[in-house]
Amino acid sequence: MKFPYGISNFDTLIRQQYFYVDRTDKIPLLEDAGQHSLFLRPRRFGKSLLLSMLENYYDVAKASQFDSLFGHLAIGKNPTPKHNQYFVMKWDFSMVKAGGESSGHRNGIT
């Protein structure tokens, strides 16, 4: 059994057969919770993996891969009508420096 330490890409995790704790049965609860969800968890508690799973579940571009990604999971056996119905835009801020530019430039003025 392979454990996915540091892997936050749901597609990679499933295709390379890493261990995955299936919590996809909670997707209907998220849908019923309302428009705005806030995920507060400590560091290294799976926020990025959760969002990656939801990205793969809702993205219309992943519709042809639904069975291979979710078929063996709880939500694959009982999907909601919203699966693969949205255009998903993914933004990755992991490479953004929190302190801004280090060269001392501000607003393009030196």
Protein backbone atom coordinates (compact mmCIF):
# COMPACT_ATOMS: atom_id res chain seq x y z
CA MET A 1 0.00 0.00 0.00
CA LYS A 2 1.37 3.41 -1.02
CA PHE A 3 0.72 6.41 1.21
CA PRO A 4 0.45 9.81 -0.52
CA TYR A 5 2.62 11.97 1.70
CA GLY A 6 2.76 15.45 0.15
CA ILE A 7 0.57 14.55 -2.85
CA SER A 8 -2.32 16.97 -3.21
CA ASN A 9 -3.33 16.10 -6.77
CA PHE A 10 -6.44 13.89 -6.69
CA ASP A 11 -6.01 12.67 -10.27
CA THR A 12 -2.43 11.51 -9.59
CA LEU A 13 -3.38 9.95 -6.28
CA ILE A 14 -6.17 7.83 -7.79
CA ARG A 15 -4.41 6.87 -11.04
CA GLN A 16 -1.23 5.81 -9.25
CA GLN A 17 -3.30 3.85 -6.71
CA TYR A 18 -2.26 5.61 -3.53
CA PHE A 19 -4.20 5.06 -0.35
CA TYR A 20 -7.21 7.41 -0.26
CA VAL A 21 -9.69 7.78 2.59
CA ASP A 22 -12.99 8.08 0.78
CA ARG A 23 -14.99 11.02 2.08
CA THR A 24 -16.75 11.72 -1.21
CA ASP A 25 -20.04 10.77 0.41
CA LYS A 26 -19.89 14.24 2.00
CA ILE A 27 -20.18 16.05 -1.36
CA PRO A 28 -24.01 16.22 -1.17
CA LEU A 29 -23.67 17.84 2.27
CA LEU A 30 -21.34 20.47 0.80
CA GLU A 31 -23.82 21.14 -1.99
CA ASP A 32 -26.66 21.54 0.51
CA ALA A 33 -24.60 23.81 2.79
CA GLY A 34 -25.04 26.87 0.60
CA GLN A 35 -23.01 28.98 -1.78
CA HIS A 36 -20.10 29.91 0.47
CA SER A 37 -17.88 27.35 2.17
CA LEU A 38 -14.87 28.04 4.32
CA PHE A 39 -12.43 25.22 5.00
CA LEU A 40 -10.52 25.82 8.21
CA ARG A 41 -8.00 23.10 8.94
CA PRO A 42 -4.45 23.13 10.25
CA ARG A 43 -1.52 22.86 7.87
CA ARG A 44 -1.02 19.44 6.27
CA PHE A 45 -4.63 18.35 6.90
CA GLY A 46 -5.67 17.84 3.28
CA LYS A 47 -7.22 21.14 2.20
CA SER A 48 -5.44 21.11 -1.16
CA LEU A 49 -6.34 17.47 -1.79
CA LEU A 50 -9.98 18.18 -0.92
CA LEU A 51 -10.09 21.07 -3.38
CA SER A 52 -8.36 18.95 -6.03
CA MET A 53 -10.97 16.22 -5.53
CA LEU A 54 -13.78 18.77 -5.87
CA GLU A 55 -12.10 20.24 -8.97
CA ASN A 56 -12.08 16.81 -10.62
CA TYR A 57 -15.65 16.13 -9.54
CA TYR A 58 -17.19 19.36 -10.85
CA ASP A 59 -15.00 20.21 -13.87
CA VAL A 60 -16.75 19.70 -17.20
CA ALA A 61 -13.33 19.01 -18.78
CA LYS A 62 -12.99 15.90 -16.58
CA ALA A 63 -16.40 14.41 -17.46
CA SER A 64 -14.92 11.65 -19.64
CA GLN A 65 -12.71 10.57 -16.72
CA PHE A 66 -15.47 10.44 -14.10
CA ASP A 67 -15.76 6.65 -13.96
CA SER A 68 -12.01 6.05 -13.72
CA LEU A 69 -11.58 8.67 -10.98
CA PHE A 70 -14.76 8.23 -8.96
CA GLY A 71 -16.32 4.92 -10.04
CA HIS A 72 -14.92 3.00 -7.06
CA LEU A 73 -15.73 5.74 -4.54
CA ALA A 74 -19.00 6.45 -2.72
CA ILE A 75 -19.90 9.44 -4.91
CA GLY A 76 -19.21 7.43 -8.07
CA LYS A 77 -21.95 5.02 -7.11
CA ASN A 78 -24.42 7.81 -6.34
CA PRO A 79 -23.31 11.06 -8.05
CA THR A 80 -25.13 14.34 -7.62
CA PRO A 81 -26.66 16.06 -10.68
CA LYS A 82 -23.95 18.74 -10.45
CA HIS A 83 -20.99 16.45 -11.21
CA ASN A 84 -18.91 17.63 -14.18
CA GLN A 85 -21.26 20.56 -14.82
CA TYR A 86 -18.94 23.54 -14.30
CA PHE A 87 -15.98 25.22 -15.93
CA VAL A 88 -13.32 25.18 -13.23
CA MET A 89 -10.52 27.71 -13.11
CA LYS A 90 -7.63 26.67 -10.88
CA TRP A 91 -5.36 29.31 -9.38
CA ASP A 92 -2.12 28.23 -7.72
CA PHE A 93 -0.61 30.81 -5.39
CA SER A 94 2.06 28.49 -4.02
CA MET A 95 4.84 30.30 -5.91
CA VAL A 96 3.77 33.82 -4.90
CA LYS A 97 6.07 35.49 -2.39
CA ALA A 98 4.04 36.69 0.56
CA GLY A 99 6.34 39.67 1.15
CA GLY A 100 6.18 41.03 -2.39
CA GLU A 101 9.21 41.89 -4.46
CA SER A 102 12.55 41.77 -2.71
CA SER A 103 14.31 44.26 -5.00
CA GLY A 104 12.80 47.31 -3.30
CA HIS A 105 10.68 48.35 -6.32
CA ARG A 106 7.18 49.55 -5.51
CA ASN A 107 4.52 50.13 -8.15
CA GLY A 108 7.15 50.19 -10.88
CA ILE A 109 8.84 53.27 -9.42
CA THR A 110 12.50 53.06 -8.43
